[in-house]
């Protein structure tokens, strides 16, 4: 097991490259959050950012619930 330098969680593999320095390997969840945070500069609304985050989980129920709530 390896420890993610960003969140400190123990994970099997560090597969994501941190966008903050382009050299530190971090866990997938932290990598996803950094990617979503970088989208805020492109003018996405909070609703659009949340939709991307919900879809990234792969949880069908959460996606259906989000769509039923906002669309």
Protein backbone atom coordinates (compact mmCIF):
# COMPACT_ATOMS: atom_id res chain seq x y z
CA UNK A 1 0.00 0.00 0.00
CA UNK A 2 1.10 3.54 -0.75
CA UNK A 3 0.16 6.76 0.97
CA UNK A 4 -1.25 9.62 -1.12
CA UNK A 5 0.84 12.73 -0.40
CA UNK A 6 -2.18 14.98 -0.90
CA UNK A 7 -4.89 13.35 1.26
CA UNK A 8 -2.87 10.84 3.27
CA UNK A 9 -5.09 7.85 2.43
CA UNK A 10 -3.57 4.41 1.96
CA UNK A 11 -4.19 3.17 -1.61
CA UNK A 12 -2.89 0.30 -3.73
CA UNK A 13 -1.52 2.52 -6.47
CA UNK A 14 -0.86 6.21 -7.12
CA UNK A 15 -1.95 6.62 -10.73
CA UNK A 16 -2.73 10.33 -11.08
CA UNK A 17 -0.20 13.04 -11.77
CA UNK A 18 -0.81 16.13 -9.65
CA UNK A 19 -1.68 19.22 -11.67
CA UNK A 20 -0.12 21.47 -9.06
CA UNK A 21 3.49 20.50 -9.79
CA UNK A 22 3.26 17.99 -12.67
CA UNK A 23 5.59 15.54 -10.92
CA UNK A 24 3.90 14.21 -7.77
CA UNK A 25 1.85 11.04 -8.09
CA UNK A 26 -1.44 11.15 -6.15
CA UNK A 27 -4.47 8.87 -5.70
CA UNK A 28 -7.23 8.73 -8.28
CA UNK A 29 -9.72 10.59 -6.09
CA UNK A 30 -7.34 13.51 -5.52
CA UNK A 31 -6.52 13.53 -9.23
CA UNK A 32 -10.21 13.75 -10.09
CA UNK A 33 -10.73 16.59 -7.63
CA UNK A 34 -7.76 18.52 -9.05
CA UNK A 35 -9.14 18.04 -12.55
CA UNK A 36 -12.59 19.27 -11.51
CA UNK A 37 -11.07 22.25 -9.71
CA UNK A 38 -9.21 23.22 -12.87
CA UNK A 39 -12.51 23.39 -14.75
CA UNK A 40 -13.70 26.29 -12.60
CA UNK A 41 -11.53 28.62 -14.64
CA UNK A 42 -13.41 27.73 -17.82
CA UNK A 43 -16.64 29.32 -16.69
CA UNK A 44 -18.58 26.24 -15.63
CA UNK A 45 -21.45 26.82 -13.26
CA UNK A 46 -21.53 25.09 -9.88
CA UNK A 47 -24.32 22.87 -11.24
CA UNK A 48 -22.17 21.80 -14.21
CA UNK A 49 -19.19 21.07 -11.95
CA UNK A 50 -21.41 19.01 -9.64
CA UNK A 51 -22.82 17.06 -12.58
CA UNK A 52 -19.28 16.20 -13.73
CA UNK A 53 -18.35 15.09 -10.21
CA UNK A 54 -21.49 12.95 -9.86
CA UNK A 55 -20.92 11.31 -13.25
CA UNK A 56 -17.29 10.62 -12.33
CA UNK A 57 -18.42 8.44 -9.43
CA UNK A 58 -20.06 5.95 -11.80
CA UNK A 59 -22.99 5.67 -9.38
CA UNK A 60 -26.06 5.25 -11.61
CA UNK A 61 -28.48 6.12 -8.83
CA UNK A 62 -26.65 9.37 -8.06
CA UNK A 63 -26.62 10.36 -11.75
CA UNK A 64 -30.34 9.60 -12.12
CA UNK A 65 -31.12 11.51 -8.92
CA UNK A 66 -29.07 14.51 -10.06
CA UNK A 67 -30.77 14.55 -13.47
CA UNK A 68 -34.22 14.25 -11.90
CA UNK A 69 -33.44 17.12 -9.56
CA UNK A 70 -31.88 19.56 -12.02
CA UNK A 71 -33.25 18.70 -15.47
